[in-house]
Amino acid sequence: MTGKCCSNDASLFGSMVNIGAIIGALGGGPVNEKIGRKWSLIGASPLFLLAFLWIGLARTAWQLIVARVIVGIALGMSSFSVPTYIGEVAPTKYRGIFGACNQLGITIGILLAYLFGLAFRTQAGSIDPEATSRTFCNWRTLSFVYIIPAALLGICMFFAPESPRWLAEKSRIEEAKGIVIKLRGGDAEDPVVKAELMALEAIKSKRDSEEKGSVMTSLKALNRCRMQVFIGIMSQVLQQFSGINAIIFYQTSIFQAAGIDNKDEVALTVMAVSVGVTAIAVGIVDKLGRRILLVSASSGMCISAVCEGVFFYLNEVSGINNIGWLAITSAYCYIASFSLGVGAIPWLIMAELFPDEVRGLAASLVTMVNWLCSFIVTHFLDQLREAITFYGVFWLFAGICLIMVVFVLFIVPETKGKTFEEIQTYFHHKYSVRNSDNRRTPTVVVLSGE
């Protein structure tokens, strides 16, 4: 590669994914509503392919940075299209399980990526005089490996059905009904299937009676669901500001302070814990509900962050260095708590909260906020640590986790086992949000706050 790649380039290189994802999420919303969930994901595939091919062939740092932006754009598009698609295709009874599988797939992917990174390590070193290690990943080879899942995304989605609810929104009702019947086992007389088919008819009827294709129509629809947008955005803000990135970024410092130097084994065990606990969450999310898992997870993160801060306070201020067990236990409990609910459920409820006519647009807005917050944390975490020290950082995140507990207890409704129509009826009646014709939805359904 020509040109010198130094620490500043590395910092810019990392943050560009977030910038690209912000662009992809915000721009992907109208595309998602126009061409559908399926084709949005198919469209992300060539972007991933182009980006990883470009990374593998890049000759300058700026070529790498541009390629990372393209990766981010594809990530931004897919990160809201996937949960939206899953939520609309999955049966109501199992929507939580399928939705949480998205996060499980992400954690497994991160673990596999790290394993591939270990497999493709090189001793070539770096020309950066500030580099702390001469062991690096052979990222060119690895980028070519990533072309395989990027291609599989497009190929597999080509054979997947389109979201029936999106099809009903586009008045393609017979196609939508056919997909529902096929996905539910072919029994059109099943009461649950009949209810879904009636819901599709209602979507089409409502859509046919509304003004089509206007920006003002979409803005009015978003305004009617402003409480759902608020809940979706705040869930993502609190998720990103809960401090998970601090644990991930500083895990080497945490374990070194605790007397453990093998960072490869540490990273693998942290990722393994994340995968294992996320798998547990998949199995219980439709039994216990979203609220219980979110409250339990954010409470666990709050306690763990307090304890992590105590460790660094005693270590840095009081000079006590024989409590490494506290740092290790707190870090693992923090990761486990995040994986139990805070990692998956904000994405799950994002796909459940919004009405059909703006689900794609609202989800893209919420996702854009998530990536914006991720950029802020990624870019300014070191400055924050320098300003308030390690223990101050973790105590700050503990306070944010406590805010999340209160937010979920008092504002976030339980959506377990509820149809999309029941969820919208709840918001219409609780927050007095009226349709454009000033009529309320006639069916009264109360969502449990438990």
Protein backbone atom coordinates (compact mmCIF):
# COMPACT_ATOMS: atom_id res chain seq x y z
CA MET A 1 0.00 0.00 0.00
CA THR A 2 1.28 3.45 -0.85
CA GLY A 3 1.23 6.20 1.71
CA LYS A 4 1.70 6.05 5.43
CA CYS A 5 -1.13 4.61 7.51
CA CYS A 6 -0.81 6.07 10.99
CA SER A 7 -2.97 6.18 14.12
CA ASN A 8 -5.08 9.06 12.83
CA ASP A 9 -5.87 7.08 9.67
CA ALA A 10 -6.81 4.09 11.84
CA SER A 11 -9.20 6.21 13.91
CA LEU A 12 -10.78 7.66 10.79
CA PHE A 13 -10.88 4.19 9.23
CA GLY A 14 -12.91 2.85 12.16
CA SER A 15 -15.39 5.70 12.41
CA MET A 16 -16.19 5.78 8.69
CA VAL A 17 -18.36 2.67 9.00
CA ASN A 18 -20.65 4.61 11.32
CA ILE A 19 -20.76 7.56 8.94
CA GLY A 20 -21.67 5.28 6.05
CA ALA A 21 -24.29 3.51 8.16
CA ILE A 22 -25.94 6.84 9.03
CA ILE A 23 -26.20 7.59 5.30
CA GLY A 24 -27.41 4.09 4.48
CA ALA A 25 -30.03 4.03 7.22
CA LEU A 26 -31.49 7.44 6.42
CA GLY A 27 -31.40 7.02 2.66
CA GLY A 28 -32.51 3.41 2.83
CA GLY A 29 -35.90 4.22 4.37
CA PRO A 30 -37.56 5.59 1.22
CA VAL A 31 -35.88 2.84 -0.83
CA ASN A 32 -37.21 0.21 1.56
CA GLU A 33 -40.75 1.54 1.24
CA LYS A 34 -40.45 1.82 -2.55
CA ILE A 35 -38.94 -1.54 -3.53
CA GLY A 36 -39.70 -3.66 -0.46
CA ARG A 37 -37.80 -5.37 2.33
CA LYS A 38 -36.60 -8.26 0.17
CA TRP A 39 -35.11 -6.17 -2.63
CA SER A 40 -33.55 -3.72 -0.18
CA LEU A 41 -31.56 -6.61 1.28
CA ILE A 42 -30.73 -7.91 -2.18
CA GLY A 43 -29.52 -4.40 -3.04
CA ALA A 44 -27.23 -4.35 0.00
CA SER A 45 -25.44 -7.46 -1.25
CA PRO A 46 -23.56 -5.86 -4.20
CA LEU A 47 -22.58 -2.96 -1.94
CA PHE A 48 -20.96 -5.39 0.47
CA LEU A 49 -19.32 -7.20 -2.46
CA LEU A 50 -17.94 -3.97 -3.91
CA ALA A 51 -16.66 -2.77 -0.54
CA PHE A 52 -14.82 -5.96 0.42
CA LEU A 53 -13.35 -6.32 -3.07
CA TRP A 54 -12.18 -2.71 -2.89
CA ILE A 55 -10.63 -3.28 0.55
CA GLY A 56 -8.77 -6.31 -0.75
CA LEU A 57 -7.38 -4.40 -3.73
CA ALA A 58 -6.85 -0.99 -2.08
CA ARG A 59 -3.50 0.75 -2.46
CA THR A 60 -3.97 3.84 -0.29
CA ALA A 61 -5.46 4.59 3.11
CA TRP A 62 -8.11 6.78 1.51
CA GLN A 63 -9.25 3.95 -0.74
CA LEU A 64 -9.74 1.88 2.40
CA ILE A 65 -11.69 4.68 4.03
CA VAL A 66 -14.02 5.03 1.04
CA ALA A 67 -14.55 1.27 1.00
CA ARG A 68 -15.43 1.36 4.69
CA VAL A 69 -18.02 4.05 3.99
CA ILE A 70 -19.59 1.73 1.41
CA VAL A 71 -19.61 -1.09 3.98
CA GLY A 72 -21.35 1.30 6.35
CA ILE A 73 -23.99 2.25 3.77
CA ALA A 74 -24.78 -1.43 3.23
CA LEU A 75 -24.86 -2.00 6.99
CA GLY A 76 -27.17 0.96 7.50
CA MET A 77 -29.61 -0.37 4.90
CA SER A 78 -29.57 -3.94 6.16
CA SER A 79 -29.56 -3.21 9.90
CA PHE A 80 -33.16 -1.96 9.81
CA SER A 81 -34.36 -3.98 6.81
CA VAL A 82 -33.54 -7.32 8.48
CA PRO A 83 -35.52 -6.83 11.73
CA THR A 84 -38.36 -5.20 9.80
CA TYR A 85 -38.53 -8.12 7.37
CA ILE A 86 -38.35 -10.70 10.17
CA GLY A 87 -41.07 -8.93 12.16
CA GLU A 88 -43.43 -8.84 9.19
CA VAL A 89 -42.84 -12.43 8.09
CA ALA A 90 -42.76 -14.19 11.47
CA PRO A 91 -45.93 -15.54 13.15
CA THR A 92 -47.11 -13.31 15.99
CA LYS A 93 -46.61 -16.09 18.54
CA TYR A 94 -42.93 -16.51 17.62
CA ARG A 95 -42.04 -12.99 16.52
CA GLY A 96 -39.80 -12.50 19.54
CA ILE A 97 -37.84 -15.68 18.91
CA PHE A 98 -37.27 -14.90 15.23
CA GLY A 99 -36.45 -11.27 16.01
CA ALA A 100 -33.91 -12.20 18.67
CA CYS A 101 -32.31 -14.66 16.23
CA ASN A 102 -31.16 -11.57 14.31
CA GLN A 103 -28.98 -10.54 17.27
CA LEU A 104 -27.84 -14.13 17.75
CA GLY A 105 -26.68 -14.19 14.14
CA ILE A 106 -24.81 -10.92 14.68
CA THR A 107 -22.98 -12.25 17.76
CA ILE A 108 -22.08 -15.49 15.98
CA GLY A 109 -20.84 -13.46 13.01
CA ILE A 110 -18.63 -11.33 15.25
CA LEU A 111 -17.20 -14.46 16.88
CA LEU A 112 -16.49 -16.05 13.49
CA ALA A 113 -14.92 -12.83 12.21
CA TYR A 114 -12.56 -12.79 15.19
CA LEU A 115 -11.68 -16.46 14.66
CA PHE A 116 -10.94 -15.74 11.00
CA GLY A 117 -8.82 -12.81 12.11
CA LEU A 118 -6.76 -15.12 14.32
CA ALA A 119 -6.44 -17.61 11.48
CA PHE A 120 -5.14 -14.94 9.10
CA ARG A 121 -2.66 -13.29 11.45
CA THR A 122 0.65 -12.06 10.09
CA GLN A 123 3.91 -10.87 11.63
CA ALA A 124 4.44 -8.30 8.86
CA GLY A 125 4.07 -5.48 11.34
CA SER A 126 3.26 -1.81 10.75
CA ILE A 127 5.16 1.26 9.66
CA ASP A 128 3.27 3.26 12.29
CA PRO A 129 5.83 4.14 15.01
CA GLU A 130 2.99 4.30 17.56
CA ALA A 131 1.86 0.72 16.89
CA THR A 132 1.90 -1.40 20.06
CA SER A 133 2.11 -4.78 18.33
CA ARG A 134 3.72 -6.34 15.29
CA THR A 135 1.00 -8.98 14.99
CA PHE A 136 -1.76 -7.95 12.60
CA CYS A 137 -4.52 -9.58 10.63
CA ASN A 138 -3.94 -10.24 6.94
CA TRP A 139 -6.94 -8.10 6.12
CA ARG A 140 -6.59 -8.35 2.35
CA THR A 141 -7.13 -12.10 2.40
CA LEU A 142 -9.86 -11.75 5.01
CA SER A 143 -11.72 -9.18 2.93
CA PHE A 144 -11.91 -11.69 0.08
CA VAL A 145 -13.31 -14.27 2.52
CA TYR A 146 -16.07 -11.80 3.47
CA ILE A 147 -17.18 -11.72 -0.17
CA ILE A 148 -18.71 -15.17 0.39
CA PRO A 149 -21.37 -14.17 2.99
CA ALA A 150 -21.96 -10.93 1.07
CA ALA A 151 -22.85 -12.95 -2.02
CA LEU A 152 -24.92 -15.44 -0.01
CA LEU A 153 -27.07 -12.57 1.30
CA GLY A 154 -28.18 -11.64 -2.19
CA ILE A 155 -28.56 -15.22 -3.40
CA CYS A 156 -30.60 -16.41 -0.40
CA MET A 157 -32.83 -13.35 -0.33
CA PHE A 158 -33.57 -13.79 -4.04
CA PHE A 159 -35.35 -17.04 -3.19
CA ALA A 160 -37.04 -15.65 -0.06
CA PRO A 161 -40.63 -14.31 -0.19
CA GLU A 162 -41.39 -10.61 0.02
CA SER A 163 -43.00 -9.29 3.20
CA PRO A 164 -46.76 -9.92 2.85
CA ARG A 165 -47.58 -6.77 4.80
CA TRP A 166 -45.50 -4.64 2.43
CA LEU A 167 -47.26 -6.31 -0.52
CA ALA A 168 -50.65 -5.50 1.02
CA GLU A 169 -49.50 -1.88 1.39
CA LYS A 170 -48.85 -1.90 -2.36
CA SER A 171 -52.31 -3.42 -3.04
CA ARG A 172 -50.75 -6.72 -4.16
CA ILE A 173 -53.20 -8.51 -1.92
CA GLU A 174 -53.46 -11.89 -3.63
CA GLU A 175 -49.69 -12.27 -3.71
CA ALA A 176 -49.55 -11.31 -0.03
CA LYS A 177 -52.23 -13.84 0.91
CA GLY A 178 -50.48 -16.59 -1.02
CA ILE A 179 -47.23 -15.96 0.86
CA VAL A 180 -48.95 -16.00 4.26
CA ILE A 181 -50.75 -19.27 3.50
CA LYS A 182 -47.50 -20.85 2.29
CA LEU A 183 -45.48 -19.63 5.27
CA ARG A 184 -48.11 -20.86 7.75
CA GLY A 185 -48.20 -24.38 6.36
CA GLY A 186 -50.84 -24.11 3.64
CA ASP A 187 -53.95 -24.22 5.86
CA ALA A 188 -56.07 -21.21 4.85
CA GLU A 189 -58.85 -22.32 7.22
CA ASP A 190 -56.72 -22.08 10.34
CA PRO A 191 -58.19 -19.32 12.59
CA VAL A 192 -54.79 -17.68 13.08
CA VAL A 193 -54.15 -17.66 9.33
CA LYS A 194 -57.64 -16.28 8.69
CA ALA A 195 -56.94 -13.44 11.11
CA GLU A 196 -53.71 -12.63 9.27
CA LEU A 197 -55.49 -12.64 5.92
CA MET A 198 -58.16 -10.29 7.29
CA ALA A 199 -55.39 -7.99 8.57
CA LEU A 200 -53.90 -7.90 5.07
CA GLU A 201 -57.30 -6.94 3.64
CA ALA A 202 -57.55 -4.15 6.21
CA ILE A 203 -54.10 -2.87 5.25
CA LYS A 204 -55.09 -2.76 1.58
CA SER A 205 -58.43 -1.06 2.30
CA LYS A 206 -56.78 1.58 4.45
CA ARG A 207 -54.09 2.17 1.85
CA ASP A 208 -56.63 2.47 -0.97
CA SER A 209 -58.51 5.16 0.97
CA GLU A 210 -55.42 7.31 1.61
CA GLU A 211 -53.46 9.73 -0.53
CA LYS A 212 -50.61 7.84 -2.18
CA GLY A 213 -46.98 8.66 -2.77
CA SER A 214 -46.88 12.10 -1.18
CA VAL A 215 -44.16 13.24 1.18
CA MET A 216 -46.76 15.03 3.31
CA THR A 217 -48.73 11.81 3.68
CA SER A 218 -45.66 10.06 5.07
CA LEU A 219 -44.88 12.97 7.40
CA LYS A 220 -48.45 13.01 8.70
CA ALA A 221 -48.29 9.27 9.30
CA LEU A 222 -45.01 9.66 11.19
CA ASN A 223 -46.54 12.44 13.27
CA ARG A 224 -49.45 10.19 14.22
CA CYS A 225 -47.00 7.62 15.58
CA ARG A 226 -44.65 10.08 17.27
CA MET A 227 -44.82 8.19 20.59
CA GLN A 228 -43.70 5.00 18.88
CA VAL A 229 -40.88 6.94 17.21
CA PHE A 230 -39.87 8.38 20.59
CA ILE A 231 -39.77 4.91 22.18
CA GLY A 232 -37.84 3.47 19.25
CA ILE A 233 -35.27 6.28 19.23
CA MET A 234 -34.78 6.35 23.00
CA SER A 235 -34.33 2.58 23.10
CA GLN A 236 -31.49 2.86 20.58
CA VAL A 237 -29.93 5.92 22.26
CA LEU A 238 -29.90 4.20 25.64
CA GLN A 239 -28.56 1.00 24.09
CA GLN A 240 -25.57 2.77 22.53
CA PHE A 241 -24.92 5.01 25.55
CA SER A 242 -25.22 2.08 27.98
CA GLY A 243 -21.47 1.58 27.70
CA ILE A 244 -21.21 -1.67 25.78
CA ASN A 245 -18.59 -0.13 23.49
CA ALA A 246 -16.52 0.86 26.52
CA ILE A 247 -16.37 -2.75 27.67
CA ILE A 248 -15.51 -3.98 24.17
CA PHE A 249 -12.91 -1.29 23.43
CA TYR A 250 -11.27 -1.42 26.85
CA GLN A 251 -11.52 -5.14 27.54
CA THR A 252 -7.75 -5.50 27.07
CA SER A 253 -7.08 -2.71 29.60
CA ILE A 254 -9.61 -4.18 32.01
CA PHE A 255 -8.13 -7.66 31.96
CA GLN A 256 -4.54 -6.40 32.00
CA ALA A 257 -5.39 -4.35 35.09
CA ALA A 258 -6.77 -7.57 36.56
CA GLY A 259 -3.49 -9.35 35.81
CA ILE A 260 -4.53 -11.23 32.66
CA ASP A 261 -2.38 -10.64 29.59
CA ASN A 262 -3.66 -13.14 27.00
CA LYS A 263 -5.98 -10.80 25.13
CA ASP A 264 -6.85 -13.32 22.41
CA GLU A 265 -8.29 -15.81 24.89
CA VAL A 266 -10.03 -13.00 26.76
CA ALA A 267 -11.68 -11.67 23.60
CA LEU A 268 -12.82 -15.15 22.59
CA THR A 269 -14.36 -15.88 25.99
CA VAL A 270 -16.15 -12.52 25.99
CA MET A 271 -17.62 -13.26 22.56
CA ALA A 272 -18.53 -16.80 23.59
CA VAL A 273 -20.43 -15.45 26.61
CA SER A 274 -22.26 -13.03 24.32
CA VAL A 275 -23.29 -15.83 21.94
CA GLY A 276 -24.35 -18.15 24.76
CA VAL A 277 -26.49 -15.62 26.63
CA THR A 278 -28.06 -14.32 23.41
CA ALA A 279 -29.05 -17.91 22.61
CA ILE A 280 -30.73 -18.10 26.03
CA ALA A 281 -32.55 -14.83 25.30
CA VAL A 282 -33.86 -16.30 22.03
CA GLY A 283 -35.45 -19.13 23.98
CA ILE A 284 -37.16 -17.01 26.64
CA VAL A 285 -38.10 -13.72 24.96
CA ASP A 286 -41.57 -14.97 23.96
CA LYS A 287 -42.09 -16.56 27.37
CA LEU A 288 -41.02 -13.75 29.70
CA GLY A 289 -41.67 -10.82 27.37
CA ARG A 290 -39.64 -7.83 26.21
CA ARG A 291 -40.06 -5.65 29.29
CA ILE A 292 -38.87 -8.21 31.84
CA LEU A 293 -35.76 -8.98 29.83
CA LEU A 294 -35.00 -5.30 29.22
CA VAL A 295 -35.43 -4.34 32.88
CA SER A 296 -33.40 -7.34 34.08
CA ALA A 297 -30.65 -6.75 31.52
CA SER A 298 -30.30 -3.01 32.11
CA SER A 299 -30.36 -3.56 35.89
CA GLY A 300 -27.56 -6.11 35.56
CA MET A 301 -25.58 -3.71 33.39
CA CYS A 302 -26.06 -0.91 35.90
CA ILE A 303 -24.77 -3.01 38.80
CA SER A 304 -21.87 -4.36 36.73
CA ALA A 305 -20.84 -0.88 35.58
CA VAL A 306 -20.88 0.39 39.18
CA CYS A 307 -18.65 -2.52 40.23
CA GLU A 308 -16.29 -1.96 37.28
CA GLY A 309 -16.01 1.67 38.30
CA VAL A 310 -15.30 0.65 41.90
CA PHE A 311 -12.47 -1.59 40.69
CA PHE A 312 -10.82 1.21 38.71
CA TYR A 313 -11.35 3.70 41.55
CA LEU A 314 -9.68 1.42 44.09
CA ASN A 315 -6.95 0.52 41.61
CA GLU A 316 -6.15 4.06 40.43
CA VAL A 317 -6.90 6.17 43.50
CA SER A 318 -6.27 3.85 46.44
CA GLY A 319 -3.61 1.68 44.83
CA ILE A 320 -5.42 -1.56 45.69
CA ASN A 321 -4.36 -4.11 43.09
CA ASN A 322 -5.49 -7.45 44.53
CA ILE A 323 -9.12 -7.31 43.41
CA GLY A 324 -8.73 -8.35 39.80
CA TRP A 325 -11.61 -10.78 40.29
CA LEU A 326 -13.95 -7.79 40.60
CA ALA A 327 -12.96 -6.41 37.18
CA ILE A 328 -13.26 -9.81 35.51
CA THR A 329 -16.60 -10.70 37.11
CA SER A 330 -18.05 -7.26 36.38
CA ALA A 331 -16.99 -7.34 32.72
CA TYR A 332 -18.48 -10.76 32.09
CA CYS A 333 -21.70 -9.89 33.94
CA TYR A 334 -21.93 -6.70 31.91
CA ILE A 335 -21.57 -8.56 28.61
CA ALA A 336 -24.03 -11.24 29.73
CA SER A 337 -26.60 -8.64 30.81
CA PHE A 338 -26.31 -6.77 27.53
CA SER A 339 -26.72 -9.99 25.58
CA LEU A 340 -29.77 -10.98 27.61
CA GLY A 341 -31.89 -8.10 26.38
CA VAL A 342 -30.34 -4.71 25.67
CA GLY A 343 -28.57 -5.98 22.57
CA ALA A 344 -31.55 -7.61 20.86
CA ILE A 345 -34.79 -6.12 22.15
CA PRO A 346 -34.46 -2.49 20.94
CA TRP A 347 -34.21 -3.91 17.41
CA LEU A 348 -37.06 -6.31 18.05
CA ILE A 349 -39.49 -3.69 19.31
CA MET A 350 -38.42 -1.32 16.52
CA ALA A 351 -39.98 -3.80 14.10
CA GLU A 352 -43.14 -4.08 16.23
CA LEU A 353 -44.03 -0.51 17.21
CA PHE A 354 -44.82 1.23 13.94
CA PRO A 355 -47.91 1.12 11.70
CA ASP A 356 -47.54 -0.60 8.35
CA GLU A 357 -47.67 2.56 6.24
CA VAL A 358 -44.48 4.02 7.78
CA ARG A 359 -42.71 1.03 9.30
CA GLY A 360 -39.80 1.18 6.85
CA LEU A 361 -39.37 4.96 7.13
CA ALA A 362 -39.65 5.01 10.92
CA ALA A 363 -37.28 2.06 11.31
CA SER A 364 -34.71 3.79 9.09
CA LEU A 365 -34.94 6.95 11.23
CA VAL A 366 -34.49 4.96 14.44
CA THR A 367 -31.57 3.05 12.94
CA MET A 368 -29.91 6.27 11.79
CA VAL A 369 -30.01 7.51 15.40
CA ASN A 370 -28.44 4.24 16.57
CA TRP A 371 -25.51 4.60 14.19
CA LEU A 372 -25.13 8.29 15.03
CA CYS A 373 -24.87 7.43 18.72
CA SER A 374 -22.43 4.65 17.88
CA PHE A 375 -20.28 7.18 16.02
CA ILE A 376 -20.35 9.58 18.98
CA VAL A 377 -19.34 6.88 21.45
CA THR A 378 -16.66 5.43 19.16
CA HIS A 379 -15.17 8.81 18.32
CA PHE A 380 -15.23 10.45 21.74
CA LEU A 381 -14.82 7.57 24.19
CA ASP A 382 -11.08 8.14 24.63
CA GLN A 383 -11.60 11.86 25.25
CA LEU A 384 -14.28 11.04 27.81
CA ARG A 385 -11.97 8.60 29.58
CA GLU A 386 -9.20 11.20 29.70
CA ALA A 387 -11.62 13.77 31.11
CA ILE A 388 -13.29 11.71 33.86
CA THR A 389 -11.01 8.60 34.13
CA PHE A 390 -11.99 4.95 33.78
CA TYR A 391 -14.11 4.85 36.91
CA GLY A 392 -15.94 8.02 35.95
CA VAL A 393 -16.78 6.53 32.54
CA PHE A 394 -18.25 3.37 34.02
CA TRP A 395 -20.24 5.23 36.68
CA LEU A 396 -21.64 7.49 33.96
CA PHE A 397 -22.75 4.45 31.99
CA ALA A 398 -24.24 2.96 35.15
CA GLY A 399 -26.42 6.06 35.47
CA ILE A 400 -27.57 5.70 31.85
CA CYS A 401 -28.45 2.04 32.47
CA LEU A 402 -30.53 3.15 35.46
CA ILE A 403 -32.35 5.63 33.21
CA MET A 404 -33.08 2.73 30.87
CA VAL A 405 -34.69 0.76 33.71
CA VAL A 406 -37.00 3.69 34.52
CA PHE A 407 -37.74 4.31 30.83
CA VAL A 408 -38.80 0.70 30.24
CA LEU A 409 -40.85 0.48 33.43
CA PHE A 410 -42.88 3.61 32.75
CA ILE A 411 -43.00 4.03 28.97
CA VAL A 412 -42.23 0.89 26.96
CA PRO A 413 -45.30 -1.37 26.51
CA GLU A 414 -45.20 -5.15 26.37
CA THR A 415 -45.64 -6.40 22.82
CA LYS A 416 -45.27 -10.13 23.44
CA GLY A 417 -47.96 -12.11 21.63
CA LYS A 418 -49.69 -9.00 20.26
CA THR A 419 -50.54 -8.51 16.62
CA PHE A 420 -49.42 -5.35 14.86
CA GLU A 421 -53.05 -4.18 14.88
CA GLU A 422 -53.36 -4.67 18.64
CA ILE A 423 -50.16 -2.72 19.23
CA GLN A 424 -51.41 0.21 17.14
CA THR A 425 -54.77 0.17 18.90
CA TYR A 426 -52.96 0.43 22.24
CA PHE A 427 -51.07 3.54 21.14
CA HIS A 428 -54.16 5.12 19.55
CA HIS A 429 -56.14 4.88 22.77
CA LYS A 430 -53.39 5.50 25.32
CA TYR A 431 -51.94 8.57 23.63
CA SER A 432 -55.08 9.81 21.84
CA VAL A 433 -53.40 9.61 18.45
CA ARG A 434 -56.11 9.89 15.77
CA ASN A 435 -56.19 8.86 12.17
CA SER A 436 -56.27 11.52 9.47
CA ASP A 437 -60.06 11.13 9.22
CA ASN A 438 -60.26 11.89 12.97
CA ARG A 439 -61.67 8.47 13.81
CA ARG A 440 -60.18 6.12 16.35
CA THR A 441 -59.53 2.49 15.63
CA PRO A 442 -62.74 0.77 16.77
CA THR A 443 -61.29 -2.29 18.49
CA VAL A 444 -60.11 -1.69 22.05
CA VAL A 445 -57.12 -3.80 23.02
CA VAL A 446 -55.11 -3.22 26.19
CA LEU A 447 -51.46 -4.24 26.22
CA SER A 448 -50.18 -5.50 29.50
CA GLY A 449 -47.64 -3.30 31.21
CA GLU A 450 -46.24 -6.29 32.99
